[in-house]
Protein backbone atom coordinates (compact mmCIF):
# COMPACT_ATOMS: atom_id res chain seq x y z
CA MET A 1 -0.01 0.13 -0.04
CA ILE A 2 1.36 3.10 -0.91
CA THR A 3 0.16 6.11 1.77
CA VAL A 4 -0.28 9.59 0.57
CA LEU A 5 -0.36 13.35 1.72
CA VAL A 6 -2.82 15.41 0.32
CA VAL A 7 -1.39 18.99 0.16
CA ASP A 8 -3.71 21.96 -0.99
CA ASP A 9 -4.96 25.24 0.04
CA ASP A 10 -8.40 24.81 -0.41
CA PHE A 11 -9.72 22.20 2.08
CA MET A 12 -12.60 21.36 -0.44
CA VAL A 13 -9.99 20.58 -3.41
CA ALA A 14 -7.89 18.19 -0.96
CA ARG A 15 -11.20 16.77 0.01
CA ILE A 16 -11.67 15.30 -3.62
CA HIS A 17 -8.40 14.68 -4.63
CA ARG A 18 -8.70 12.71 -1.28
CA GLY A 19 -11.43 11.00 -2.97
CA PHE A 20 -9.74 10.83 -5.87
CA VAL A 21 -6.90 8.72 -4.35
CA GLU A 22 -8.68 6.63 -2.21
CA ARG A 23 -10.69 4.86 -4.89
CA ILE A 24 -7.40 3.96 -6.84
CA ASP A 25 -6.13 0.65 -5.95
CA GLY A 26 -2.84 0.24 -4.07
CA PHE A 27 -3.28 3.82 -2.79
CA GLU A 28 -4.39 4.87 1.11
CA VAL A 29 -4.23 8.88 1.80
CA VAL A 30 -3.48 8.87 5.21
CA GLY A 31 -3.69 12.69 5.82
CA THR A 32 -4.15 16.04 4.60
CA ALA A 33 -2.26 19.03 4.97
CA ASN A 34 -3.19 23.36 3.72
CA SER A 35 -0.04 25.25 4.43
CA GLY A 36 3.55 24.51 4.07
CA ASP A 37 3.66 24.12 7.97
CA GLN A 38 0.90 21.79 8.13
CA ALA A 39 2.75 19.83 5.29
CA VAL A 40 5.92 19.84 6.82
CA ALA A 41 4.07 18.82 10.59
CA ALA A 42 2.47 16.05 9.04
CA LEU A 43 4.67 14.50 6.74
CA THR A 44 7.17 14.61 10.35
CA ASP A 45 3.72 12.72 12.03
CA LEU A 46 2.75 10.48 9.40
CA ARG A 47 5.58 9.49 6.99
CA PRO A 48 3.92 9.05 3.48
CA ASP A 49 5.83 7.50 0.85
CA LEU A 50 4.38 10.34 -1.64
CA VAL A 51 2.49 14.03 -1.38
CA LEU A 52 0.66 15.85 -4.05
CA LEU A 53 1.66 18.94 -3.78
CA ASP A 54 -0.40 22.24 -4.25
CA LEU A 55 1.80 25.26 -5.39
CA TYR A 56 0.61 27.94 -4.78
CA LEU A 57 0.05 27.73 -0.53
CA PRO A 58 -0.75 30.38 1.70
CA ASP A 59 2.79 30.59 3.33
CA VAL A 60 5.10 29.34 0.83
CA PHE A 61 4.92 28.46 -2.56
CA GLY A 62 5.14 24.52 -3.23
CA LEU A 63 8.43 24.42 -4.87
CA ASP A 64 10.32 26.19 -1.97
CA LEU A 65 8.51 23.51 0.63
CA ILE A 66 10.16 21.00 -1.65
CA ALA A 67 13.48 21.07 0.28
CA ARG A 68 11.73 21.33 3.28
CA LEU A 69 10.02 18.06 2.97
CA ARG A 70 12.91 15.71 1.86
CA ALA A 71 15.04 17.27 4.99
CA VAL A 72 12.58 15.74 7.03
CA ARG A 73 11.76 12.63 4.64
CA PRO A 74 14.31 11.87 2.00
CA GLU A 75 13.02 9.06 0.52
CA VAL A 76 9.73 11.03 0.18
CA ASP A 77 8.34 11.82 -3.92
CA ILE A 78 6.10 14.58 -4.97
CA LEU A 79 3.45 14.64 -7.56
CA VAL A 80 3.02 18.30 -8.40
CA ILE A 81 -0.48 19.32 -8.44
CA THR A 82 -1.20 22.65 -9.77
CA ALA A 83 -2.68 25.48 -11.52
CA ALA A 84 0.77 27.17 -12.18
CA ARG A 85 1.51 26.73 -16.14
CA GLU A 86 4.51 28.85 -16.48
CA ALA A 87 8.04 27.27 -17.98
CA GLU A 88 10.17 28.02 -14.77
CA ALA A 89 7.77 26.48 -12.13
CA VAL A 90 7.53 23.43 -14.72
CA ARG A 91 11.45 23.59 -14.91
CA GLY A 92 11.88 24.00 -11.28
CA ALA A 93 9.96 21.00 -10.63
CA VAL A 94 11.63 18.90 -12.94
CA ARG A 95 15.19 20.18 -11.65
CA GLN A 96 13.76 18.98 -7.66
CA GLY A 97 12.98 15.39 -9.43
CA VAL A 98 9.11 15.13 -8.77
CA VAL A 99 7.32 11.96 -10.04
CA ASN A 100 4.45 14.09 -12.13
CA TYR A 101 3.55 17.90 -12.91
CA LEU A 102 -0.26 17.85 -13.57
CA LEU A 103 -2.45 20.49 -14.28
CA LYS A 104 -5.83 22.04 -12.58
CA PRO A 105 -8.34 21.48 -13.60
CA PHE A 106 -7.96 17.52 -14.27
CA GLY A 107 -10.25 14.43 -14.05
CA PHE A 108 -10.20 11.28 -12.07
CA GLU A 109 -8.58 9.24 -15.00
CA ASP A 110 -5.64 11.70 -14.87
CA LEU A 111 -4.80 11.30 -11.70
CA ARG A 112 -5.59 7.80 -12.14
CA ALA A 113 -3.49 7.21 -14.68
CA ARG A 114 0.18 9.04 -13.34
CA LEU A 115 -0.48 7.30 -10.10
CA GLN A 116 -0.90 3.86 -11.43
CA GLU A 117 2.42 4.85 -13.28
CA TYR A 118 3.92 5.49 -10.47
CA ALA A 119 2.97 2.48 -8.63
CA ARG A 120 4.05 0.49 -11.75
CA ARG A 121 7.89 2.35 -11.55
CA ARG A 122 8.17 1.93 -8.10
CA ALA A 123 7.51 -1.70 -7.97
CA SER A 124 9.62 -2.04 -10.98
CA VAL A 125 13.04 -1.27 -9.02
CA PRO A 126 14.55 -4.94 -8.65
CA GLU A 127 16.47 -5.19 -5.19
CA GLN A 128 19.43 -5.44 -6.78
CA VAL A 129 20.23 -3.28 -10.53
CA THR A 130 22.46 -6.10 -12.49
CA SER A 131 22.21 -4.67 -16.05
CA GLN A 132 20.97 -1.51 -17.98
CA ALA A 133 18.18 -3.92 -18.53
CA ASP A 134 17.01 -3.49 -15.31
CA VAL A 135 17.17 0.36 -15.32
CA ASP A 136 15.44 0.18 -18.76
CA ARG A 137 12.25 -1.28 -17.91
CA VAL A 138 12.23 0.83 -14.52
CA LEU A 139 12.24 3.96 -17.14
CA ALA A 140 10.00 2.83 -19.92
CA PRO A 141 7.14 4.78 -20.84
CA ALA A 142 3.55 4.19 -19.77
CA ARG A 143 1.03 2.82 -22.12
CA PRO A 144 -1.38 4.99 -23.24
CA HIS A 145 -4.57 5.53 -21.41
CA VAL A 146 -7.23 3.99 -23.52
CA ASN A 147 -10.63 6.12 -23.31
CA ARG A 148 -13.69 3.58 -23.78
CA LEU A 149 -16.02 6.20 -23.01
CA PRO A 150 -19.25 5.99 -25.49
CA LYS A 151 -18.77 7.48 -28.42
CA GLY A 152 -19.64 11.32 -28.33
CA LEU A 153 -18.73 11.37 -23.82
CA SER A 154 -15.51 12.80 -22.92
CA GLN A 155 -13.58 11.32 -19.70
CA GLU A 156 -13.65 15.41 -18.26
CA THR A 157 -17.11 15.96 -18.45
CA ALA A 158 -17.53 12.27 -16.96
CA ASP A 159 -15.38 13.15 -13.91
CA LEU A 160 -17.50 16.15 -13.59
CA VAL A 161 -20.70 14.28 -13.54
CA ALA A 162 -19.53 11.86 -11.22
CA ALA A 163 -18.08 14.22 -8.56
CA ALA A 164 -21.75 16.11 -8.75
CA LEU A 165 -23.72 13.09 -8.16
CA ARG A 166 -20.97 11.31 -5.14
CA THR A 167 -21.28 15.19 -3.07
CA THR A 168 -24.98 15.34 -3.25
CA SER A 169 -26.53 13.88 0.10
CA ASP A 170 -29.77 12.75 -2.12
CA ASN A 171 -30.30 12.35 -5.54
CA LEU A 172 -29.76 14.72 -8.43
CA SER A 173 -32.11 15.19 -12.13
CA ALA A 174 -30.37 16.12 -14.99
CA ALA A 175 -31.75 19.39 -15.20
CA GLU A 176 -29.60 19.91 -11.46
CA CYS A 177 -27.01 17.98 -12.52
CA ALA A 178 -26.58 20.13 -15.98
CA GLU A 179 -26.80 23.07 -13.51
CA LYS A 180 -23.97 22.15 -11.22
CA VAL A 181 -21.62 20.69 -14.21
CA GLY A 182 -22.38 23.70 -16.51
CA ILE A 183 -23.70 21.55 -19.51
CA SER A 184 -27.31 21.34 -21.20
CA ARG A 185 -29.54 19.34 -19.45
CA VAL A 186 -29.43 16.10 -22.41
CA SER A 187 -25.64 16.23 -22.25
CA ALA A 188 -26.08 15.50 -18.76
CA ARG A 189 -28.81 12.66 -19.04
CA ARG A 190 -26.44 11.43 -21.38
CA TYR A 191 -23.77 10.87 -18.76
CA LEU A 192 -25.94 9.75 -16.54
CA GLU A 193 -27.80 7.20 -17.77
CA TYR A 194 -23.47 6.18 -18.64
CA PHE A 195 -23.53 5.68 -15.15
CA CYS A 196 -26.62 3.47 -14.72
CA THR A 197 -26.04 1.03 -17.47
CA ARG A 198 -22.32 1.04 -15.71
CA HIS A 199 -23.90 -0.11 -12.94
CA GLN A 200 -22.39 2.90 -10.71
CA ALA A 201 -25.23 5.17 -10.62
CA GLU A 202 -29.25 4.15 -9.84
CA VAL A 203 -32.25 5.79 -11.26
CA ALA A 204 -35.45 6.33 -9.72
CA LEU A 205 -38.38 7.57 -11.02
CA ARG A 206 -40.48 10.81 -8.92
CA TYR A 207 -44.00 11.12 -9.89
CA GLY A 208 -45.78 14.32 -9.72
CA THR A 209 -49.67 15.07 -10.23
CA THR A 210 -49.08 15.83 -13.98
CA GLY A 211 -46.97 14.70 -16.95
CA ARG A 212 -43.76 12.40 -16.99
CA PRO A 213 -42.21 11.26 -14.07
CA GLU A 214 -38.92 12.71 -13.21
CA ARG A 215 -35.85 10.79 -13.55
CA ARG A 216 -33.32 11.20 -10.37
CA TYR A 217 -29.87 9.66 -10.52
CA ARG A 218 -28.00 8.81 -7.08
CA TRP A 219 -24.46 7.19 -7.27
CA THR A 220 -23.75 4.04 -5.91
CA ALA A 221 -20.36 2.80 -7.20
């Protein structure tokens, strides 16, 4: 089990990212932090294998925090999750040996692909490196992720619809989901019905006094 610390200045975003990670086999979130100081304290107490690090923290820029984190736990790995698109930020992250750099906003599948690749590389390091082939197997690029959604549906929107369902205490209509996500009602219904076919959601009919019954969706996965 790979243990993870989620660091993000927005506690709601940290909660969403935690939920993403906990859906991935082989990973366990051991804590969250909303500032640099909290991250250092959590790293000291929890000793995670991997930190998902936002760069825009209230008390420190994330790249400047990496050295402090590694001073506490030299073997910790860092995966940057940020809205920072500046080339210098990317170069700085690479220079400090981050395992990946994921731009916000992103969907569940984007994070899952990168965490699974990280787990593959971590597991592929042999106890004893005896040849260049051993090294090449560790550094081999991952196979591209295949989008298996039906034609016309995007993974990014599917993740947003799924998040809207998961964070609703009761259930949603297609119109309510469309308003939450910012898409049309017809599009929302296509995604909702798709999740029903995958047994990730279920639909119930709400009958009114007139007209057709309203279809209400609830996340079950």
